[in-house]
C-alpha cells in the first residue's frame, strides 16, 4: 500500500487547500471520513475535536510516512490535546496557517499550542494565499520523508 502524507487539523485550518496542492488536483472537498488522495490522507476536523475519534487518527498512521499537524492563527480555541503528537512514530511537521502576511498577536498562542501538543520545532508558517509557501513546505516534507 502506498504511504501518504497525513494532514491533521481543526476545521477551517487549510487542510483541503494543502491536500489539493500536494495531490496536484483542482477539486477535493472535505468529507465526514478520512479522505485518501493521490499523495495525502486528510483527517476531518471532527476527528480531532472528538476525543473518542483520536484512536482512529492514531491507527491511520500506518498508511502514512509523514504527518502535518495544522493550526490556524485565526482559530478561536485549542484543538489538540496535550502531548498528542507523542503517540505518533512518524516524522511530524507543525504548520501554522494564515491568510495574510501580517504577524498576528495570536501567533505566539498558536505556537504554544503546538509546543504543548508535543510537536518538534521549528514550525512552518504557511500563508494560504502564497504559492511559494506551498512549494517551500513541499521541500521540507521531501526532506523529512524522502520524497513524494
N, C-alpha and C. Protein backbone atom coordinates (compact mmCIF):
# COMPACT_ATOMS: atom_id res chain seq x y z
N UNK A 1 0.83 -1.18 0.00
CA UNK A 1 0.00 0.00 0.00
C UNK A 1 0.89 1.25 0.00
N UNK A 2 0.49 2.22 -0.76
CA UNK A 2 1.24 3.47 -0.85
C UNK A 2 1.07 4.27 0.44
N UNK A 3 2.17 4.77 0.94
CA UNK A 3 2.13 5.62 2.13
C UNK A 3 1.94 7.07 1.72
N UNK A 4 1.17 7.79 2.49
CA UNK A 4 0.80 9.16 2.15
C UNK A 4 1.21 10.14 3.24
N UNK A 5 1.00 11.41 2.96
CA UNK A 5 1.22 12.47 3.93
C UNK A 5 -0.09 12.66 4.68
N UNK A 6 -0.08 12.41 5.98
CA UNK A 6 -1.29 12.58 6.78
C UNK A 6 -1.40 14.05 7.17
N UNK A 7 -2.58 14.63 6.94
CA UNK A 7 -2.83 16.04 7.28
C UNK A 7 -3.90 16.08 8.36
N UNK A 8 -3.51 16.59 9.53
CA UNK A 8 -4.41 16.68 10.68
C UNK A 8 -4.56 18.15 11.04
N UNK A 9 -5.77 18.55 11.37
CA UNK A 9 -6.00 19.93 11.81
C UNK A 9 -7.47 20.17 12.06
N UNK A 10 -7.77 21.24 12.79
CA UNK A 10 -9.18 21.57 13.04
C UNK A 10 -9.86 22.06 11.76
N UNK A 11 -11.17 22.18 11.82
CA UNK A 11 -11.92 22.72 10.69
C UNK A 11 -11.41 24.12 10.34
N UNK A 12 -11.40 24.43 9.06
CA UNK A 12 -11.00 25.74 8.53
C UNK A 12 -9.55 26.09 8.81
N UNK A 13 -8.69 25.08 8.84
CA UNK A 13 -7.26 25.34 9.06
C UNK A 13 -6.45 25.25 7.77
N UNK A 14 -7.10 24.96 6.65
CA UNK A 14 -6.41 24.90 5.36
C UNK A 14 -6.04 23.50 4.91
N UNK A 15 -6.61 22.48 5.54
CA UNK A 15 -6.29 21.09 5.19
C UNK A 15 -6.61 20.76 3.74
N UNK A 16 -7.80 21.13 3.30
CA UNK A 16 -8.23 20.80 1.94
C UNK A 16 -7.37 21.51 0.90
N UNK A 17 -7.09 22.79 1.12
CA UNK A 17 -6.25 23.55 0.20
C UNK A 17 -4.85 22.97 0.11
N UNK A 18 -4.29 22.56 1.25
CA UNK A 18 -2.97 21.95 1.26
C UNK A 18 -2.99 20.59 0.57
N UNK A 19 -4.02 19.80 0.82
CA UNK A 19 -4.14 18.49 0.17
C UNK A 19 -4.28 18.63 -1.34
N UNK A 20 -5.04 19.63 -1.79
CA UNK A 20 -5.18 19.86 -3.23
C UNK A 20 -3.82 20.16 -3.85
N UNK A 21 -3.02 20.96 -3.18
CA UNK A 21 -1.69 21.29 -3.71
C UNK A 21 -0.80 20.05 -3.75
N UNK A 22 -0.76 19.29 -2.66
CA UNK A 22 0.11 18.12 -2.60
C UNK A 22 -0.34 17.00 -3.53
N UNK A 23 -1.64 16.90 -3.75
CA UNK A 23 -2.18 15.89 -4.67
C UNK A 23 -2.19 16.35 -6.11
N UNK A 24 -1.89 17.62 -6.33
CA UNK A 24 -1.90 18.22 -7.66
C UNK A 24 -3.27 18.05 -8.32
N UNK A 25 -4.31 18.33 -7.52
CA UNK A 25 -5.68 18.23 -8.01
C UNK A 25 -6.38 19.56 -7.79
N UNK A 26 -7.33 19.85 -8.64
CA UNK A 26 -8.07 21.10 -8.53
C UNK A 26 -9.25 20.94 -7.58
N UNK A 27 -9.89 19.79 -7.62
CA UNK A 27 -11.10 19.60 -6.83
C UNK A 27 -10.89 18.55 -5.76
N UNK A 28 -11.28 18.91 -4.57
CA UNK A 28 -11.37 17.97 -3.47
C UNK A 28 -12.24 18.65 -2.43
N UNK A 29 -13.13 17.94 -1.87
CA UNK A 29 -13.95 18.54 -0.84
C UNK A 29 -13.78 17.72 0.43
N UNK A 30 -13.90 18.39 1.53
CA UNK A 30 -13.74 17.72 2.81
C UNK A 30 -14.94 16.82 3.04
N UNK A 31 -14.69 15.66 3.60
CA UNK A 31 -15.73 14.70 3.83
C UNK A 31 -15.82 14.39 5.32
N UNK A 32 -16.83 13.63 5.69
CA UNK A 32 -17.01 13.27 7.09
C UNK A 32 -16.14 12.10 7.52
N UNK A 33 -15.38 11.56 6.57
CA UNK A 33 -14.47 10.46 6.89
C UNK A 33 -13.09 10.78 6.33
N UNK A 34 -12.11 9.97 6.69
CA UNK A 34 -10.76 10.21 6.19
C UNK A 34 -10.77 10.10 4.67
N UNK A 35 -10.04 11.00 4.03
CA UNK A 35 -10.02 11.05 2.57
C UNK A 35 -8.62 10.71 2.07
N UNK A 36 -8.53 9.66 1.27
CA UNK A 36 -7.26 9.25 0.68
C UNK A 36 -7.12 9.88 -0.69
N UNK A 37 -6.19 10.80 -0.81
CA UNK A 37 -5.89 11.42 -2.10
C UNK A 37 -4.70 10.72 -2.74
N UNK A 38 -4.22 11.29 -3.81
CA UNK A 38 -3.08 10.72 -4.54
C UNK A 38 -1.85 10.61 -3.64
N UNK A 39 -1.53 11.67 -2.89
CA UNK A 39 -0.36 11.69 -2.02
C UNK A 39 -0.69 11.97 -0.56
N UNK A 40 -1.96 12.21 -0.25
CA UNK A 40 -2.33 12.64 1.09
C UNK A 40 -3.42 11.78 1.72
N UNK A 41 -3.47 11.85 3.02
CA UNK A 41 -4.54 11.27 3.82
C UNK A 41 -5.04 12.41 4.70
N UNK A 42 -6.22 12.94 4.39
CA UNK A 42 -6.75 14.11 5.09
C UNK A 42 -7.73 13.65 6.17
N UNK A 43 -7.47 14.09 7.39
CA UNK A 43 -8.30 13.73 8.54
C UNK A 43 -9.29 14.86 8.79
N UNK A 44 -10.59 14.57 8.83
CA UNK A 44 -11.58 15.63 9.10
C UNK A 44 -11.36 16.27 10.46
N UNK A 45 -11.67 17.54 10.55
CA UNK A 45 -11.53 18.26 11.81
C UNK A 45 -12.35 17.65 12.93
N UNK A 46 -13.46 17.04 12.60
CA UNK A 46 -14.32 16.43 13.61
C UNK A 46 -13.60 15.30 14.34
N UNK A 47 -12.70 14.60 13.66
CA UNK A 47 -11.94 13.53 14.31
C UNK A 47 -11.04 14.10 15.41
N UNK A 48 -10.50 15.28 15.17
CA UNK A 48 -9.63 15.92 16.14
C UNK A 48 -10.43 16.51 17.30
N UNK A 49 -11.61 17.01 17.01
CA UNK A 49 -12.42 17.67 18.02
C UNK A 49 -13.15 16.71 18.95
N UNK A 50 -13.25 15.45 18.55
CA UNK A 50 -13.95 14.45 19.36
C UNK A 50 -12.94 13.47 19.94
N UNK A 51 -12.74 13.48 21.26
CA UNK A 51 -11.72 12.63 21.87
C UNK A 51 -11.86 11.14 21.55
N UNK A 52 -13.07 10.65 21.38
CA UNK A 52 -13.26 9.24 21.10
C UNK A 52 -12.85 8.87 19.67
N UNK A 53 -12.57 9.86 18.83
CA UNK A 53 -12.11 9.59 17.46
C UNK A 53 -10.58 9.60 17.34
N UNK A 54 -9.89 10.01 18.40
CA UNK A 54 -8.43 10.08 18.35
C UNK A 54 -7.80 8.73 18.04
N UNK A 55 -8.41 7.65 18.52
CA UNK A 55 -7.86 6.32 18.25
C UNK A 55 -7.83 6.02 16.75
N UNK A 56 -8.77 6.56 15.99
CA UNK A 56 -8.81 6.34 14.55
C UNK A 56 -7.69 7.11 13.84
N UNK A 57 -7.40 8.31 14.35
CA UNK A 57 -6.28 9.08 13.79
C UNK A 57 -4.98 8.34 14.06
N UNK A 58 -4.81 7.86 15.27
CA UNK A 58 -3.59 7.15 15.65
C UNK A 58 -3.43 5.88 14.82
N UNK A 59 -4.50 5.15 14.63
CA UNK A 59 -4.43 3.91 13.84
C UNK A 59 -4.12 4.17 12.38
N UNK A 60 -4.57 5.30 11.85
CA UNK A 60 -4.37 5.62 10.43
C UNK A 60 -2.92 5.95 10.09
N UNK A 61 -2.08 6.16 11.10
CA UNK A 61 -0.69 6.47 10.81
C UNK A 61 0.02 5.33 10.07
N UNK A 62 -0.56 4.13 10.11
CA UNK A 62 0.04 3.01 9.39
C UNK A 62 0.00 3.23 7.87
N UNK A 63 -0.85 4.14 7.41
CA UNK A 63 -0.96 4.44 5.98
C UNK A 63 -0.16 5.68 5.59
N UNK A 64 0.60 6.22 6.54
CA UNK A 64 1.33 7.47 6.28
C UNK A 64 2.83 7.28 6.45
N UNK A 65 3.58 8.24 5.89
CA UNK A 65 5.02 8.25 6.11
C UNK A 65 5.49 9.56 6.72
N UNK A 66 4.56 10.48 6.95
CA UNK A 66 4.86 11.80 7.49
C UNK A 66 3.53 12.42 7.92
N UNK A 67 3.58 13.26 8.96
CA UNK A 67 2.35 13.89 9.45
C UNK A 67 2.52 15.40 9.47
N UNK A 68 1.51 16.10 8.95
CA UNK A 68 1.44 17.55 9.06
C UNK A 68 0.33 17.87 10.05
N UNK A 69 0.67 18.58 11.12
CA UNK A 69 -0.33 18.98 12.11
C UNK A 69 -0.53 20.48 11.97
N UNK A 70 -1.72 20.87 11.52
CA UNK A 70 -2.02 22.27 11.23
C UNK A 70 -2.74 22.95 12.38
N UNK A 71 -2.49 24.23 12.50
CA UNK A 71 -3.23 25.09 13.41
C UNK A 71 -3.32 26.46 12.77
N UNK A 72 -4.50 27.03 12.72
CA UNK A 72 -4.72 28.33 12.08
C UNK A 72 -4.55 29.46 13.09
N UNK A 73 -3.93 30.53 12.65
CA UNK A 73 -3.73 31.69 13.51
C UNK A 73 -5.07 32.26 13.96
N UNK A 74 -6.07 32.24 13.09
CA UNK A 74 -7.35 32.86 13.44
C UNK A 74 -8.33 31.92 14.14
N UNK A 75 -7.85 30.81 14.64
CA UNK A 75 -8.75 29.86 15.31
C UNK A 75 -9.22 30.42 16.64
N UNK A 76 -10.36 29.97 17.09
CA UNK A 76 -10.97 30.52 18.30
C UNK A 76 -10.53 29.79 19.57
N UNK A 77 -10.14 28.52 19.45
CA UNK A 77 -9.78 27.75 20.64
C UNK A 77 -8.75 26.68 20.30
N UNK A 78 -8.22 26.05 21.33
CA UNK A 78 -7.26 24.96 21.14
C UNK A 78 -8.00 23.69 20.73
N UNK A 79 -7.35 22.90 19.89
CA UNK A 79 -7.99 21.67 19.43
C UNK A 79 -7.19 20.42 19.75
N UNK A 80 -5.89 20.55 19.91
CA UNK A 80 -5.04 19.39 20.16
C UNK A 80 -4.91 19.12 21.66
N UNK A 81 -5.03 17.87 22.07
CA UNK A 81 -4.80 17.56 23.48
C UNK A 81 -3.30 17.62 23.79
N UNK A 82 -2.93 17.87 25.04
CA UNK A 82 -1.51 17.91 25.39
C UNK A 82 -0.79 16.61 25.04
N UNK A 83 0.40 16.75 24.48
CA UNK A 83 1.27 15.63 24.13
C UNK A 83 0.67 14.66 23.10
N UNK A 84 -0.33 15.09 22.36
CA UNK A 84 -0.97 14.22 21.36
C UNK A 84 0.03 13.76 20.30
N UNK A 85 0.95 14.62 19.91
CA UNK A 85 1.91 14.27 18.86
C UNK A 85 2.86 13.15 19.28
N UNK A 86 3.02 12.94 20.57
CA UNK A 86 3.97 11.94 21.05
C UNK A 86 3.50 10.50 20.84
N UNK A 87 2.23 10.30 20.47
CA UNK A 87 1.75 8.94 20.22
C UNK A 87 2.10 8.47 18.81
N UNK A 88 2.56 9.37 17.96
CA UNK A 88 2.89 9.00 16.58
C UNK A 88 4.36 8.63 16.47
N UNK A 89 4.65 7.65 15.63
CA UNK A 89 6.03 7.20 15.42
C UNK A 89 6.64 7.76 14.14
N UNK A 90 5.93 8.65 13.47
CA UNK A 90 6.35 9.21 12.20
C UNK A 90 6.91 10.61 12.37
N UNK A 91 7.68 11.10 11.38
CA UNK A 91 8.11 12.50 11.42
C UNK A 91 6.88 13.42 11.38
N UNK A 92 6.90 14.45 12.22
CA UNK A 92 5.79 15.40 12.31
C UNK A 92 6.30 16.79 11.99
N UNK A 93 5.52 17.52 11.20
CA UNK A 93 5.82 18.91 10.89
C UNK A 93 4.65 19.75 11.40
N UNK A 94 4.93 20.70 12.26
CA UNK A 94 3.92 21.63 12.74
C UNK A 94 3.75 22.76 11.74
N UNK A 95 2.52 23.02 11.32
CA UNK A 95 2.25 24.04 10.31
C UNK A 95 1.25 25.03 10.88
N UNK A 96 1.63 26.31 10.89
CA UNK A 96 0.75 27.39 11.31
C UNK A 96 0.22 28.05 10.05
N UNK A 97 -1.08 28.01 9.85
CA UNK A 97 -1.67 28.56 8.63
C UNK A 97 -2.24 29.95 8.88
N UNK A 98 -2.14 30.76 7.84
CA UNK A 98 -2.67 32.12 7.89
C UNK A 98 -3.15 32.51 6.49
N UNK A 99 -3.97 33.53 6.43
CA UNK A 99 -4.45 34.00 5.14
C UNK A 99 -3.86 35.36 4.76
N UNK A 100 -2.96 35.87 5.61
CA UNK A 100 -2.31 37.15 5.34
C UNK A 100 -0.84 37.07 5.74
N UNK A 101 -0.06 38.06 5.34
CA UNK A 101 1.34 38.12 5.74
C UNK A 101 1.53 38.82 7.08
N UNK A 102 0.50 39.49 7.54
CA UNK A 102 0.60 40.25 8.79
C UNK A 102 0.85 39.30 9.96
N UNK A 103 1.78 39.67 10.82
CA UNK A 103 2.06 38.89 12.02
C UNK A 103 1.00 39.25 13.05
N UNK A 104 0.33 38.26 13.52
CA UNK A 104 -0.77 38.46 14.46
C UNK A 104 -0.29 38.17 15.88
N UNK A 105 -0.85 38.87 16.84
CA UNK A 105 -0.50 38.65 18.24
C UNK A 105 -0.86 37.22 18.66
N UNK A 106 -1.85 36.62 17.99
CA UNK A 106 -2.27 35.26 18.31
C UNK A 106 -1.24 34.22 17.89
N UNK A 107 -0.26 34.60 17.07
CA UNK A 107 0.74 33.65 16.59
C UNK A 107 1.46 32.97 17.74
N UNK A 108 1.81 33.72 18.77
CA UNK A 108 2.51 33.15 19.91
C UNK A 108 1.65 32.09 20.60
N UNK A 109 0.34 32.33 20.69
CA UNK A 109 -0.57 31.37 21.31
C UNK A 109 -0.66 30.09 20.47
N UNK A 110 -0.67 30.25 19.15
CA UNK A 110 -0.73 29.08 18.27
C UNK A 110 0.55 28.27 18.42
N UNK A 111 1.70 28.93 18.46
CA UNK A 111 2.97 28.24 18.65
C UNK A 111 2.97 27.49 19.98
N UNK A 112 2.44 28.11 21.03
CA UNK A 112 2.39 27.46 22.34
C UNK A 112 1.50 26.22 22.29
N UNK A 113 0.40 26.28 21.53
CA UNK A 113 -0.45 25.09 21.39
C UNK A 113 0.32 23.95 20.75
N UNK A 114 1.06 24.24 19.69
CA UNK A 114 1.82 23.19 19.01
C UNK A 114 2.92 22.63 19.91
N UNK A 115 3.55 23.48 20.71
CA UNK A 115 4.57 23.02 21.66
C UNK A 115 3.94 22.11 22.70
N UNK A 116 2.81 22.52 23.25
CA UNK A 116 2.10 21.71 24.24
C UNK A 116 1.63 20.38 23.66
N UNK A 117 1.34 20.38 22.38
CA UNK A 117 0.92 19.15 21.69
C UNK A 117 2.07 18.17 21.56
N UNK A 118 3.30 18.66 21.68
CA UNK A 118 4.47 17.80 21.57
C UNK A 118 5.09 17.76 20.19
N UNK A 119 4.74 18.73 19.36
CA UNK A 119 5.28 18.80 18.00
C UNK A 119 6.66 19.45 18.06
N UNK A 120 7.66 18.81 17.45
CA UNK A 120 9.00 19.39 17.48
C UNK A 120 9.09 20.67 16.66
N UNK A 121 9.89 21.62 17.15
CA UNK A 121 10.14 22.86 16.42
C UNK A 121 11.28 22.63 15.44
N UNK A 122 11.42 23.44 14.42
CA UNK A 122 10.69 24.67 14.13
C UNK A 122 9.35 24.37 13.44
N UNK A 123 8.44 25.33 13.55
CA UNK A 123 7.15 25.23 12.89
C UNK A 123 7.22 25.99 11.58
N UNK A 124 6.42 25.53 10.62
CA UNK A 124 6.39 26.18 9.31
C UNK A 124 5.17 27.08 9.24
N UNK A 125 5.37 28.33 8.87
CA UNK A 125 4.25 29.26 8.71
C UNK A 125 3.83 29.24 7.24
N UNK A 126 2.59 28.86 6.99
CA UNK A 126 2.06 28.71 5.64
C UNK A 126 0.99 29.75 5.38
N UNK A 127 1.29 30.69 4.48
CA UNK A 127 0.29 31.66 4.04
C UNK A 127 -0.50 30.98 2.92
N UNK A 128 -1.77 30.75 3.14
CA UNK A 128 -2.61 30.02 2.18
C UNK A 128 -2.82 30.78 0.88
N UNK A 129 -2.41 32.06 0.82
CA UNK A 129 -2.53 32.86 -0.38
C UNK A 129 -1.25 32.88 -1.22
N UNK A 130 -0.17 32.28 -0.71
CA UNK A 130 1.13 32.34 -1.38
C UNK A 130 1.55 30.97 -1.90
N UNK A 131 1.64 30.81 -3.20
CA UNK A 131 2.08 29.54 -3.80
C UNK A 131 3.50 29.19 -3.40
N UNK A 132 4.35 30.19 -3.21
CA UNK A 132 5.74 29.92 -2.84
C UNK A 132 5.83 29.23 -1.48
N UNK A 133 4.92 29.57 -0.57
CA UNK A 133 4.91 28.91 0.73
C UNK A 133 4.59 27.42 0.58
N UNK A 134 3.66 27.09 -0.29
CA UNK A 134 3.32 25.68 -0.54
C UNK A 134 4.53 24.94 -1.09
N UNK A 135 5.25 25.57 -1.99
CA UNK A 135 6.44 24.94 -2.58
C UNK A 135 7.52 24.71 -1.51
N UNK A 136 7.74 25.69 -0.64
CA UNK A 136 8.73 25.55 0.43
C UNK A 136 8.34 24.43 1.39
N UNK A 137 7.05 24.33 1.71
CA UNK A 137 6.59 23.26 2.59
C UNK A 137 6.80 21.90 1.93
N UNK A 138 6.56 21.80 0.64
CA UNK A 138 6.79 20.54 -0.08
C UNK A 138 8.25 20.12 0.01
N UNK A 139 9.16 21.06 -0.08
CA UNK A 139 10.59 20.75 0.05
C UNK A 139 10.91 20.22 1.44
N UNK A 140 10.32 20.82 2.47
CA UNK A 140 10.53 20.36 3.83
C UNK A 140 9.98 18.95 4.01
N UNK A 141 8.80 18.70 3.46
CA UNK A 141 8.19 17.36 3.54
C UNK A 141 9.11 16.34 2.87
N UNK A 142 9.64 16.67 1.72
CA UNK A 142 10.51 15.76 0.99
C UNK A 142 11.77 15.44 1.80
N UNK A 143 12.29 16.41 2.52
CA UNK A 143 13.46 16.16 3.36
C UNK A 143 13.10 15.25 4.52
N UNK A 144 11.92 15.43 5.09
CA UNK A 144 11.51 14.62 6.25
C UNK A 144 11.23 13.17 5.90
N UNK A 145 10.61 12.95 4.74
CA UNK A 145 10.16 11.60 4.42
C UNK A 145 10.87 10.96 3.24
N UNK A 146 11.72 11.71 2.57
CA UNK A 146 12.49 11.11 1.48
C UNK A 146 11.84 11.21 0.12
N UNK A 147 10.98 12.19 -0.13
CA UNK A 147 10.39 12.39 -1.46
C UNK A 147 8.94 11.98 -1.55
N UNK A 148 8.21 12.64 -2.44
CA UNK A 148 6.79 12.30 -2.65
C UNK A 148 6.66 11.04 -3.45
